[in-house]
């Protein structure tokens, strides 16, 4: 591996780490201000461990789970790594939710608290 590739990988890692930290910090700010905290992992994952006060709306139920939630409500979604919560965030925004934030993965949220 060339030095250039090593440097590029290192800078990518640093940029991602900073992004993850920022999204987790912003998520906690929103939760402290009253945002609804939603875990989009499976019920089994949720039962194993979840963040205090989180609701469990698994990703495969997002199309109906948010039916009774105000579309202007502040919402923070999270999962294991940030992938499923990113999918949930995109879907909710597509159907008109205006204040949805992808908090990322549970471990990064725990580390940021």
PDB file of N, CA and C in Angstrom:
ATOM      1  N   UNK A   1       0.850  -1.167   0.000  1.00  0.00           N
ATOM      2  CA  UNK A   1       0.000   0.000   0.000  1.00  0.00           C
ATOM      3  C   UNK A   1       0.901   1.237   0.000  1.00  0.00           C
ATOM      4  N   UNK A   2       0.568   2.182  -0.849  1.00  0.00           N
ATOM      5  CA  UNK A   2       1.390   3.379  -0.951  1.00  0.00           C
ATOM      6  C   UNK A   2       1.104   4.325   0.205  1.00  0.00           C
ATOM      7  N   UNK A   3       2.040   5.215   0.434  1.00  0.00           N
ATOM      8  CA  UNK A   3       1.878   6.217   1.484  1.00  0.00           C
ATOM      9  C   UNK A   3       0.635   7.071   1.224  1.00  0.00           C
ATOM     10  N   UNK A   4       0.392   7.375  -0.019  1.00  0.00           N
ATOM     11  CA  UNK A   4      -0.769   8.187  -0.383  1.00  0.00           C
ATOM     12  C   UNK A   4      -2.075   7.487   0.029  1.00  0.00           C
ATOM     13  N   UNK A   5      -2.166   6.180  -0.210  1.00  0.00           N
ATOM     14  CA  UNK A   5      -3.362   5.427   0.174  1.00  0.00           C
ATOM     15  C   UNK A   5      -3.518   5.380   1.687  1.00  0.00           C
ATOM     16  N   UNK A   6      -2.419   5.197   2.390  1.00  0.00           N
ATOM     17  CA  UNK A   6      -2.455   5.161   3.850  1.00  0.00           C
ATOM     18  C   UNK A   6      -2.957   6.502   4.392  1.00  0.00           C
ATOM     19  N   UNK A   7      -2.431   7.588   3.851  1.00  0.00           N
ATOM     20  CA  UNK A   7      -2.852   8.922   4.295  1.00  0.00           C
ATOM     21  C   UNK A   7      -4.321   9.146   3.978  1.00  0.00           C
ATOM     22  N   UNK A   8      -4.753   8.744   2.800  1.00  0.00           N
ATOM     23  CA  UNK A   8      -6.158   8.898   2.416  1.00  0.00           C
ATOM     24  C   UNK A   8      -7.071   8.110   3.353  1.00  0.00           C
ATOM     25  N   UNK A   9      -6.704   6.876   3.653  1.00  0.00           N
ATOM     26  CA  UNK A   9      -7.495   6.065   4.582  1.00  0.00           C
ATOM     27  C   UNK A   9      -7.538   6.694   5.970  1.00  0.00           C
ATOM     28  N   UNK A  10      -6.414   7.186   6.433  1.00  0.00           N
ATOM     29  CA  UNK A  10      -6.348   7.818   7.740  1.00  0.00           C
ATOM     30  C   UNK A  10      -7.243   9.054   7.793  1.00  0.00           C
ATOM     31  N   UNK A  11      -7.170   9.894   6.783  1.00  0.00           N
ATOM     32  CA  UNK A  11      -7.996  11.107   6.751  1.00  0.00           C
ATOM     33  C   UNK A  11      -9.479  10.773   6.651  1.00  0.00           C
ATOM     34  N   UNK A  12      -9.815   9.730   5.907  1.00  0.00           N
ATOM     35  CA  UNK A  12     -11.205   9.289   5.820  1.00  0.00           C
ATOM     36  C   UNK A  12     -11.702   8.829   7.181  1.00  0.00           C
ATOM     37  N   UNK A  13     -10.872   8.067   7.885  1.00  0.00           N
ATOM     38  CA  UNK A  13     -11.237   7.597   9.219  1.00  0.00           C
ATOM     39  C   UNK A  13     -11.447   8.770  10.169  1.00  0.00           C
ATOM     40  N   UNK A  14     -10.558   9.737  10.153  1.00  0.00           N
ATOM     41  CA  UNK A  14     -10.672  10.920  11.019  1.00  0.00           C
ATOM     42  C   UNK A  14     -11.949  11.690  10.685  1.00  0.00           C
ATOM     43  N   UNK A  15     -12.226  11.876   9.415  1.00  0.00           N
ATOM     44  CA  UNK A  15     -13.428  12.613   9.008  1.00  0.00           C
ATOM     45  C   UNK A  15     -14.683  11.883   9.455  1.00  0.00           C
ATOM     46  N   UNK A  16     -14.726  10.552   9.282  1.00  0.00           N
ATOM     47  CA  UNK A  16     -15.899   9.786   9.701  1.00  0.00           C
ATOM     48  C   UNK A  16     -16.060   9.836  11.209  1.00  0.00           C
ATOM     49  N   UNK A  17     -14.965   9.713  11.947  1.00  0.00           N
ATOM     50  CA  UNK A  17     -15.037   9.760  13.410  1.00  0.00           C
ATOM     51  C   UNK A  17     -15.593  11.090  13.880  1.00  0.00           C
ATOM     52  N   UNK A  18     -15.162  12.155  13.257  1.00  0.00           N
ATOM     53  CA  UNK A  18     -15.655  13.485  13.607  1.00  0.00           C
ATOM     54  C   UNK A  18     -17.134  13.610  13.270  1.00  0.00           C
ATOM     55  N   UNK A  19     -17.554  13.106  12.108  1.00  0.00           N
ATOM     56  CA  UNK A  19     -18.957  13.131  11.705  1.00  0.00           C
ATOM     57  C   UNK A  19     -19.810  12.360  12.689  1.00  0.00           C
ATOM     58  N   UNK A  20     -19.372  11.148  13.068  1.00  0.00           N
ATOM     59  CA  UNK A  20     -20.138  10.319  13.991  1.00  0.00           C
ATOM     60  C   UNK A  20     -20.275  11.009  15.341  1.00  0.00           C
ATOM     61  N   UNK A  21     -19.178  11.617  15.813  1.00  0.00           N
ATOM     62  CA  UNK A  21     -19.226  12.306  17.092  1.00  0.00           C
ATOM     63  C   UNK A  21     -20.192  13.482  17.026  1.00  0.00           C
ATOM     64  N   UNK A  22     -20.150  14.234  15.941  1.00  0.00           N
ATOM     65  CA  UNK A  22     -21.041  15.387  15.804  1.00  0.00           C
ATOM     66  C   UNK A  22     -22.496  14.971  15.748  1.00  0.00           C
ATOM     67  N   UNK A  23     -22.817  13.916  15.018  1.00  0.00           N
ATOM     68  CA  UNK A  23     -24.222  13.519  14.913  1.00  0.00           C
ATOM     69  C   UNK A  23     -24.735  12.987  16.248  1.00  0.00           C
ATOM     70  N   UNK A  24     -23.869  12.321  17.017  1.00  0.00           N
ATOM     71  CA  UNK A  24     -24.268  11.822  18.330  1.00  0.00           C
ATOM     72  C   UNK A  24     -24.473  12.985  19.302  1.00  0.00           C
ATOM     73  N   UNK A  25     -23.560  13.954  19.278  1.00  0.00           N
ATOM     74  CA  UNK A  25     -23.709  15.120  20.149  1.00  0.00           C
ATOM     75  C   UNK A  25     -24.997  15.879  19.830  1.00  0.00           C
ATOM     76  N   UNK A  26     -25.259  16.077  18.553  1.00  0.00           N
ATOM     77  CA  UNK A  26     -26.481  16.766  18.146  1.00  0.00           C
ATOM     78  C   UNK A  26     -27.715  15.968  18.555  1.00  0.00           C
ATOM     79  N   UNK A  27     -27.644  14.649  18.453  1.00  0.00           N
ATOM     80  CA  UNK A  27     -28.763  13.792  18.859  1.00  0.00           C
ATOM     81  C   UNK A  27     -29.085  13.999  20.334  1.00  0.00           C
ATOM     82  N   UNK A  28     -28.053  14.010  21.187  1.00  0.00           N
ATOM     83  CA  UNK A  28     -28.287  14.200  22.622  1.00  0.00           C
ATOM     84  C   UNK A  28     -28.848  15.581  22.916  1.00  0.00           C
ATOM     85  N   UNK A  29     -28.391  16.590  22.203  1.00  0.00           N
ATOM     86  CA  UNK A  29     -28.953  17.936  22.381  1.00  0.00           C
ATOM     87  C   UNK A  29     -30.448  17.920  22.077  1.00  0.00           C
ATOM     88  N   UNK A  30     -30.810  17.259  20.983  1.00  0.00           N
ATOM     89  CA  UNK A  30     -32.218  17.194  20.590  1.00  0.00           C
ATOM     90  C   UNK A  30     -33.047  16.421  21.620  1.00  0.00           C
ATOM     91  N   UNK A  31     -32.504  15.306  22.112  1.00  0.00           N
ATOM     92  CA  UNK A  31     -33.215  14.507  23.121  1.00  0.00           C
ATOM     93  C   UNK A  31     -33.417  15.336  24.392  1.00  0.00           C
ATOM     94  N   UNK A  32     -32.380  16.051  24.805  1.00  0.00           N
ATOM     95  CA  UNK A  32     -32.485  16.895  26.002  1.00  0.00           C
ATOM     96  C   UNK A  32     -33.531  17.994  25.830  1.00  0.00           C
ATOM     97  N   UNK A  33     -33.780  18.390  24.593  1.00  0.00           N
ATOM     98  CA  UNK A  33     -34.785  19.410  24.305  1.00  0.00           C
ATOM     99  C   UNK A  33     -36.165  18.804  24.051  1.00  0.00           C
ATOM    100  N   UNK A  34     -36.295  17.491  24.247  1.00  0.00           N
ATOM    101  CA  UNK A  34     -37.598  16.855  24.148  1.00  0.00           C
ATOM    102  C   UNK A  34     -37.867  16.013  22.918  1.00  0.00           C
ATOM    103  N   UNK A  35     -36.860  15.783  22.095  1.00  0.00           N
ATOM    104  CA  UNK A  35     -37.065  14.953  20.903  1.00  0.00           C
ATOM    105  C   UNK A  35     -37.436  13.530  21.297  1.00  0.00           C
ATOM    106  N   UNK A  36     -38.276  12.917  20.494  1.00  0.00           N
ATOM    107  CA  UNK A  36     -38.650  11.516  20.658  1.00  0.00           C
ATOM    108  C   UNK A  36     -37.460  10.667  20.230  1.00  0.00           C
ATOM    109  N   UNK A  37     -37.030   9.750  21.081  1.00  0.00           N
ATOM    110  CA  UNK A  37     -35.880   8.887  20.801  1.00  0.00           C
ATOM    111  C   UNK A  37     -36.398   7.529  20.357  1.00  0.00           C
ATOM    112  N   UNK A  38     -36.036   7.128  19.141  1.00  0.00           N
ATOM    113  CA  UNK A  38     -36.574   5.899  18.558  1.00  0.00           C
ATOM    114  C   UNK A  38     -35.452   4.979  18.096  1.00  0.00           C
ATOM    115  N   UNK A  39     -35.487   3.762  18.596  1.00  0.00           N
ATOM    116  CA  UNK A  39     -34.563   2.699  18.225  1.00  0.00           C
ATOM    117  C   UNK A  39     -35.225   1.910  17.093  1.00  0.00           C
ATOM    118  N   UNK A  40     -34.585   1.843  15.929  1.00  0.00           N
ATOM    119  CA  UNK A  40     -35.193   1.157  14.787  1.00  0.00           C
ATOM    120  C   UNK A  40     -34.629  -0.252  14.584  1.00  0.00           C
ATOM    121  N   UNK A  41     -33.949  -0.773  15.600  1.00  0.00           N
ATOM    122  CA  UNK A  41     -33.448  -2.150  15.523  1.00  0.00           C
ATOM    123  C   UNK A  41     -34.588  -3.136  15.788  1.00  0.00           C
ATOM    124  N   UNK A  42     -34.293  -4.407  15.672  1.00  0.00           N
ATOM    125  CA  UNK A  42     -35.302  -5.443  15.899  1.00  0.00           C
ATOM    126  C   UNK A  42     -35.705  -5.476  17.376  1.00  0.00           C
ATOM    127  N   UNK A  43     -36.878  -6.038  17.690  1.00  0.00           N
ATOM    128  CA  UNK A  43     -37.263  -6.176  19.097  1.00  0.00           C
ATOM    129  C   UNK A  43     -36.241  -6.969  19.913  1.00  0.00           C
ATOM    130  N   UNK A  44     -35.622  -7.974  19.315  1.00  0.00           N
ATOM    131  CA  UNK A  44     -34.621  -8.772  20.014  1.00  0.00           C
ATOM    132  C   UNK A  44     -33.400  -7.923  20.370  1.00  0.00           C
ATOM    133  N   UNK A  45     -32.938  -7.112  19.432  1.00  0.00           N
ATOM    134  CA  UNK A  45     -31.810  -6.225  19.711  1.00  0.00           C
ATOM    135  C   UNK A  45     -32.183  -5.219  20.797  1.00  0.00           C
ATOM    136  N   UNK A  46     -33.393  -4.685  20.701  1.00  0.00           N
ATOM    137  CA  UNK A  46     -33.872  -3.703  21.674  1.00  0.00           C
ATOM    138  C   UNK A  46     -33.923  -4.306  23.073  1.00  0.00           C
ATOM    139  N   UNK A  47     -34.425  -5.545  23.181  1.00  0.00           N
ATOM    140  CA  UNK A  47     -34.517  -6.210  24.478  1.00  0.00           C
ATOM    141  C   UNK A  47     -33.143  -6.448  25.100  1.00  0.00           C
ATOM    142  N   UNK A  48     -32.152  -6.708  24.271  1.00  0.00           N
ATOM    143  CA  UNK A  48     -30.801  -6.958  24.764  1.00  0.00           C
ATOM    144  C   UNK A  48     -30.216  -5.709  25.411  1.00  0.00           C
ATOM    145  N   UNK A  49     -30.373  -4.564  24.739  1.00  0.00           N
ATOM    146  CA  UNK A  49     -29.878  -3.291  25.264  1.00  0.00           C
ATOM    147  C   UNK A  49     -30.483  -2.165  24.448  1.00  0.00           C
ATOM    148  N   UNK A  50     -30.854  -1.099  25.122  1.00  0.00           N
ATOM    149  CA  UNK A  50     -31.342   0.090  24.433  1.00  0.00           C
ATOM    150  C   UNK A  50     -31.094   1.310  25.294  1.00  0.00           C
ATOM    151  N   UNK A  51     -31.230   2.464  24.686  1.00  0.00           N
ATOM    152  CA  UNK A  51     -31.037   3.712  25.414  1.00  0.00           C
ATOM    153  C   UNK A  51     -32.277   4.016  26.247  1.00  0.00           C
ATOM    154  N   UNK A  52     -32.038   4.564  27.424  1.00  0.00           N
ATOM    155  CA  UNK A  52     -33.130   4.913  28.322  1.00  0.00           C
ATOM    156  C   UNK A  52     -34.110   5.859  27.622  1.00  0.00           C
ATOM    157  N   UNK A  53     -35.376   5.608  27.797  1.00  0.00           N
ATOM    158  CA  UNK A  53     -36.500   6.380  27.252  1.00  0.00           C
ATOM    159  C   UNK A  53     -36.750   6.155  25.758  1.00  0.00           C
ATOM    160  N   UNK A  54     -35.983   5.273  25.134  1.00  0.00           N
ATOM    161  CA  UNK A  54     -36.180   5.006  23.705  1.00  0.00           C
ATOM    162  C   UNK A  54     -37.415   4.145  23.481  1.00  0.00           C
ATOM    163  N   UNK A  55     -38.103   4.438  22.388  1.00  0.00           N
ATOM    164  CA  UNK A  55     -39.190   3.585  21.901  1.00  0.00           C
ATOM    165  C   UNK A  55     -38.598   2.668  20.846  1.00  0.00           C
ATOM    166  N   UNK A  56     -39.200   1.510  20.648  1.00  0.00           N
ATOM    167  CA  UNK A  56     -38.724   0.576  19.629  1.00  0.00           C
ATOM    168  C   UNK A  56     -39.722   0.518  18.484  1.00  0.00           C
ATOM    169  N   UNK A  57     -39.344   1.140  17.365  1.00  0.00           N
ATOM    170  CA  UNK A  57     -40.104   1.061  16.123  1.00  0.00           C
ATOM    171  C   UNK A  57     -39.165   0.429  15.097  1.00  0.00           C
ATOM    172  N   UNK A  58     -39.139  -0.908  14.997  1.00  0.00           N
ATOM    173  CA  UNK A  58     -38.220  -1.566  14.061  1.00  0.00           C
ATOM    174  C   UNK A  58     -38.348  -1.006  12.647  1.00  0.00           C
ATOM    175  N   UNK A  59     -37.246  -0.993  11.933  1.00  0.00           N
ATOM    176  CA  UNK A  59     -37.215  -0.415  10.592  1.00  0.00           C
ATOM    177  C   UNK A  59     -38.325  -0.963   9.705  1.00  0.00           C
ATOM    178  N   UNK A  60     -38.611  -2.261   9.804  1.00  0.00           N
ATOM    179  CA  UNK A  60     -39.637  -2.843   8.925  1.00  0.00           C
ATOM    180  C   UNK A  60     -41.056  -2.420   9.302  1.00  0.00           C
ATOM    181  N   UNK A  61     -41.212  -1.639  10.370  1.00  0.00           N
ATOM    182  CA  UNK A  61     -42.546  -1.142  10.754  1.00  0.00           C
ATOM    183  C   UNK A  61     -42.666   0.373  10.629  1.00  0.00           C
ATOM    184  N   UNK A  62     -41.596   1.023  10.199  1.00  0.00           N
ATOM    185  CA  UNK A  62     -41.584   2.493  10.159  1.00  0.00           C
ATOM    186  C   UNK A  62     -42.740   3.054   9.328  1.00  0.00           C
ATOM    187  N   UNK A  63     -43.147   2.336   8.294  1.00  0.00           N
ATOM    188  CA  UNK A  63     -44.223   2.836   7.436  1.00  0.00           C
ATOM    189  C   UNK A  63     -45.554   2.971   8.171  1.00  0.00           C
ATOM    190  N   UNK A  64     -45.731   2.284   9.303  1.00  0.00           N
ATOM    191  CA  UNK A  64     -46.975   2.422  10.087  1.00  0.00           C
ATOM    192  C   UNK A  64     -46.719   2.884  11.517  1.00  0.00           C
ATOM    193  N   UNK A  65     -45.532   2.641  12.041  1.00  0.00           N
ATOM    194  CA  UNK A  65     -45.246   2.944  13.452  1.00  0.00           C
ATOM    195  C   UNK A  65     -45.348   4.431  13.776  1.00  0.00           C
ATOM    196  N   UNK A  66     -45.107   5.285  12.809  1.00  0.00           N
ATOM    197  CA  UNK A  66     -45.129   6.727  13.038  1.00  0.00           C
ATOM    198  C   UNK A  66     -46.463   7.367  12.649  1.00  0.00           C
ATOM    199  N   UNK A  67     -47.474   6.551  12.350  1.00  0.00           N
ATOM    200  CA  UNK A  67     -48.764   7.094  11.909  1.00  0.00           C
ATOM    201  C   UNK A  67     -49.386   8.080  12.890  1.00  0.00           C
ATOM    202  N   UNK A  68     -49.186   7.869  14.189  1.00  0.00           N
ATOM    203  CA  UNK A  68     -49.800   8.743  15.190  1.00  0.00           C
ATOM    204  C   UNK A  68     -48.828   9.767  15.765  1.00  0.00           C
ATOM    205  N   UNK A  69     -47.718   9.973  15.087  1.00  0.00           N
ATOM    206  CA  UNK A  69     -46.717  10.953  15.527  1.00  0.00           C
ATOM    207  C   UNK A  69     -46.850  12.202  14.657  1.00  0.00           C
ATOM    208  N   UNK A  70     -46.874  13.361  15.298  1.00  0.00           N
ATOM    209  CA  UNK A  70     -46.945  14.641  14.587  1.00  0.00           C
ATOM    210  C   UNK A  70     -45.735  14.777  13.664  1.00  0.00           C
ATOM    211  N   UNK A  71     -45.966  15.142  12.422  1.00  0.00           N
ATOM    212  CA  UNK A  71     -44.881  15.228  11.442  1.00  0.00           C
ATOM    213  C   UNK A  71     -43.916  16.374  11.724  1.00  0.00           C
ATOM    214  N   UNK A  72     -44.275  17.274  12.632  1.00  0.00           N
ATOM    215  CA  UNK A  72     -43.364  18.351  13.022  1.00  0.00           C
ATOM    216  C   UNK A  72     -42.628  18.048  14.321  1.00  0.00           C
ATOM    217  N   UNK A  73     -42.875  16.906  14.918  1.00  0.00           N
ATOM    218  CA  UNK A  73     -42.230  16.505  16.173  1.00  0.00           C
ATOM    219  C   UNK A  73     -40.748  16.263  15.946  1.00  0.00           C
ATOM    220  N   UNK A  74     -39.925  16.696  16.881  1.00  0.00           N
ATOM    221  CA  UNK A  74     -38.502  16.388  16.816  1.00  0.00           C
ATOM    222  C   UNK A  74     -38.305  14.908  17.127  1.00  0.00           C
ATOM    223  N   UNK A  75     -37.589  14.222  16.255  1.00  0.00           N
ATOM    224  CA  UNK A  75     -37.365  12.781  16.384  1.00  0.00           C
ATOM    225  C   UNK A  75     -35.889  12.489  16.153  1.00  0.00           C
ATOM    226  N   UNK A  76     -35.328  11.642  17.016  1.00  0.00           N
ATOM    227  CA  UNK A  76     -33.968  11.132  16.827  1.00  0.00           C
ATOM    228  C   UNK A  76     -34.096   9.628  16.669  1.00  0.00           C
ATOM    229  N   UNK A  77     -33.587   9.104  15.568  1.00  0.00           N
ATOM    230  CA  UNK A  77     -33.593   7.662  15.330  1.00  0.00           C
ATOM    231  C   UNK A  77     -32.166   7.136  15.457  1.00  0.00           C
ATOM    232  N   UNK A  78     -32.051   5.904  15.946  1.00  0.00           N
ATOM    233  CA  UNK A  78     -30.736   5.264  16.033  1.00  0.00           C
ATOM    234  C   UNK A  78     -30.897   3.765  15.822  1.00  0.00           C
ATOM    235  N   UNK A  79     -29.766   3.099  15.594  1.00  0.00           N
ATOM    236  CA  UNK A  79     -29.761   1.637  15.410  1.00  0.00           C
ATOM    237  C   UNK A  79     -28.428   1.103  15.930  1.00  0.00           C
ATOM    238  N   UNK A  80     -27.876   0.102  15.277  1.00  0.00           N
ATOM    239  CA  UNK A  80     -26.591  -0.450  15.707  1.00  0.00           C
ATOM    240  C   UNK A  80     -25.426   0.355  15.152  1.00  0.00           C
ATOM    241  N   UNK A  81     -25.499   0.706  13.866  1.00  0.00           N
ATOM    242  CA  UNK A  81     -24.364   1.365  13.221  1.00  0.00           C
ATOM    243  C   UNK A  81     -24.695   2.717  12.593  1.00  0.00           C
ATOM    244  N   UNK A  82     -25.962   3.027  12.443  1.00  0.00           N
ATOM    245  CA  UNK A  82     -26.370   4.256  11.766  1.00  0.00           C
ATOM    246  C   UNK A  82     -26.960   4.011  10.394  1.00  0.00           C
ATOM    247  N   UNK A  83     -26.842   2.780   9.889  1.00  0.00           N
ATOM    248  CA  UNK A  83     -27.374   2.459   8.558  1.00  0.00           C
ATOM    249  C   UNK A  83     -28.904   2.403   8.561  1.00  0.00           C
ATOM    250  N   UNK A  84     -29.475   1.578   9.417  1.00  0.00           N
ATOM    251  CA  UNK A  84     -30.944   1.469   9.452  1.00  0.00           C
ATOM    252  C   UNK A  84     -31.593   2.776   9.878  1.00  0.00           C
ATOM    253  N   UNK A  85     -30.945   3.470  10.826  1.00  0.00           N
ATOM    254  CA  UNK A  85     -31.519   4.755  11.244  1.00  0.00           C
ATOM    255  C   UNK A  85     -31.444   5.766  10.099  1.00  0.00           C
ATOM    256  N   UNK A  86     -30.419   5.678   9.271  1.00  0.00           N
ATOM    257  CA  UNK A  86     -30.335   6.532   8.084  1.00  0.00           C
ATOM    258  C   UNK A  86     -31.462   6.235   7.109  1.00  0.00           C
ATOM    259  N   UNK A  87     -31.773   4.949   6.935  1.00  0.00           N
ATOM    260  CA  UNK A  87     -32.889   4.570   6.065  1.00  0.00           C
ATOM    261  C   UNK A  87     -34.209   5.096   6.625  1.00  0.00           C
ATOM    262  N   UNK A  88     -34.381   4.957   7.943  1.00  0.00           N
ATOM    263  CA  UNK A  88     -35.603   5.448   8.578  1.00  0.00           C
ATOM    264  C   UNK A  88     -35.713   6.956   8.429  1.00  0.00           C
ATOM    265  N   UNK A  89     -34.613   7.663   8.642  1.00  0.00           N
ATOM    266  CA  UNK A  89     -34.604   9.120   8.505  1.00  0.00           C
ATOM    267  C   UNK A  89     -35.025   9.536   7.094  1.00  0.00           C
ATOM    268  N   UNK A  90     -34.423   8.917   6.089  1.00  0.00           N
ATOM    269  CA  UNK A  90     -34.758   9.255   4.694  1.00  0.00           C
ATOM    270  C   UNK A  90     -36.231   8.988   4.401  1.00  0.00           C
ATOM    271  N   UNK A  91     -36.731   7.848   4.831  1.00  0.00           N
ATOM    272  CA  UNK A  91     -38.134   7.504   4.581  1.00  0.00           C
ATOM    273  C   UNK A  91     -39.066   8.511   5.254  1.00  0.00           C
ATOM    274  N   UNK A  92     -38.802   8.802   6.523  1.00  0.00           N
ATOM    275  CA  UNK A  92     -39.676   9.722   7.251  1.00  0.00           C
ATOM    276  C   UNK A  92     -39.674  11.109   6.612  1.00  0.00           C
ATOM    277  N   UNK A  93     -38.530  11.558   6.161  1.00  0.00           N
ATOM    278  CA  UNK A  93     -38.468  12.855   5.480  1.00  0.00           C
ATOM    279  C   UNK A  93     -39.235  12.815   4.158  1.00  0.00           C
ATOM    280  N   UNK A  94     -39.161  11.694   3.453  1.00  0.00           N
ATOM    281  CA  UNK A  94     -39.889  11.554   2.181  1.00  0.00           C
ATOM    282  C   UNK A  94     -41.395  11.644   2.375  1.00  0.00           C
ATOM    283  N   UNK A  95     -41.890  11.180   3.538  1.00  0.00           N
ATOM    284  CA  UNK A  95     -43.337  11.206   3.757  1.00  0.00           C
ATOM    285  C   UNK A  95     -43.794  12.433   4.550  1.00  0.00           C
ATOM    286  N   UNK A  96     -42.881  13.393   4.725  1.00  0.00           N
ATOM    287  CA  UNK A  96     -43.286  14.672   5.276  1.00  0.00           C
ATOM    288  C   UNK A  96     -42.853  15.023   6.686  1.00  0.00           C
ATOM    289  N   UNK A  97     -42.095  14.152   7.347  1.00  0.00           N
ATOM    290  CA  UNK A  97     -41.585  14.516   8.667  1.00  0.00           C
ATOM    291  C   UNK A  97     -40.484  15.561   8.475  1.00  0.00           C
ATOM    292  N   UNK A  98     -40.531  16.595   9.293  1.00  0.00           N
ATOM    293  CA  UNK A  98     -39.645  17.732   9.069  1.00  0.00           C
ATOM    294  C   UNK A  98     -38.462  17.828  10.027  1.00  0.00           C
ATOM    295  N   UNK A  99     -38.508  17.136  11.150  1.00  0.00           N
ATOM    296  CA  UNK A  99     -37.461  17.281  12.166  1.00  0.00           C
ATOM    297  C   UNK A  99     -36.928  15.926  12.614  1.00  0.00           C
ATOM    298  N   UNK A 100     -36.361  15.188  11.673  1.00  0.00           N
ATOM    299  CA  UNK A 100     -35.825  13.862  11.972  1.00  0.00           C
ATOM    300  C   UNK A 100     -34.306  13.931  11.890  1.00  0.00           C
ATOM    301  N   UNK A 101     -33.652  13.341  12.892  1.00  0.00           N
ATOM    302  CA  UNK A 101     -32.191  13.327  12.930  1.00  0.00           C
ATOM    303  C   UNK A 101     -31.703  11.894  13.118  1.00  0.00           C
ATOM    304  N   UNK A 102     -30.730  11.498  12.314  1.00  0.00           N
ATOM    305  CA  UNK A 102     -30.089  10.193  12.466  1.00  0.00           C
ATOM    306  C   UNK A 102     -29.013  10.319  13.538  1.00  0.00           C
ATOM    307  N   UNK A 103     -29.290   9.750  14.707  1.00  0.00           N
ATOM    308  CA  UNK A 103     -28.324   9.781  15.800  1.00  0.00           C
ATOM    309  C   UNK A 103     -27.182   8.812  15.608  1.00  0.00           C
ATOM    310  N   UNK A 104     -27.316   7.905  14.642  1.00  0.00           N
ATOM    311  CA  UNK A 104     -26.256   6.948  14.356  1.00  0.00           C
ATOM    312  C   UNK A 104     -26.411   5.653  15.118  1.00  0.00           C
ATOM    313  N   UNK A 105     -25.290   5.101  15.544  1.00  0.00           N
ATOM    314  CA  UNK A 105     -25.287   3.826  16.245  1.00  0.00           C
ATOM    315  C   UNK A 105     -25.385   3.992  17.747  1.00  0.00           C
ATOM    316  N   UNK A 106     -25.928   2.974  18.397  1.00  0.00           N
ATOM    317  CA  UNK A 106     -26.123   3.033  19.837  1.00  0.00           C
ATOM    318  C   UNK A 106     -24.795   3.235  20.571  1.00  0.00           C
ATOM    319  N   UNK A 107     -23.755   2.535  20.167  1.00  0.00           N
ATOM    320  CA  UNK A 107     -22.477   2.646  20.857  1.00  0.00           C
ATOM    321  C   UNK A 107     -21.895   4.054  20.722  1.00  0.00           C
ATOM    322  N   UNK A 108     -22.039   4.672  19.553  1.00  0.00           N
ATOM    323  CA  UNK A 108     -21.519   6.034  19.405  1.00  0.00           C
ATOM    324  C   UNK A 108     -22.333   7.012  20.244  1.00  0.00           C
ATOM    325  N   UNK A 109     -23.638   6.750  20.398  1.00  0.00           N
ATOM    326  CA  UNK A 109     -24.454   7.600  21.259  1.00  0.00           C
ATOM    327  C   UNK A 109     -24.058   7.427  22.726  1.00  0.00           C
ATOM    328  N   UNK A 110     -23.816   6.189  23.131  1.00  0.00           N
ATOM    329  CA  UNK A 110     -23.379   5.934  24.511  1.00  0.00           C
ATOM    330  C   UNK A 110     -22.040   6.629  24.765  1.00  0.00           C
ATOM    331  N   UNK A 111     -21.132   6.536  23.828  1.00  0.00           N
ATOM    332  CA  UNK A 111     -19.811   7.150  23.985  1.00  0.00           C
ATOM    333  C   UNK A 111     -19.900   8.671  24.068  1.00  0.00           C
ATOM    334  N   UNK A 112     -20.871   9.257  23.393  1.00  0.00           N
ATOM    335  CA  UNK A 112     -21.001  10.718  23.366  1.00  0.00           C
ATOM    336  C   UNK A 112     -21.712  11.273  24.590  1.00  0.00           C
ATOM    337  N   UNK A 113     -22.380  10.420  25.331  1.00  0.00           N
ATOM    338  CA  UNK A 113     -23.177  10.922  26.466  1.00  0.00           C
ATOM    339  C   UNK A 113     -22.317  11.314  27.637  1.00  0.00           C
TER     340      UNK A 113
END
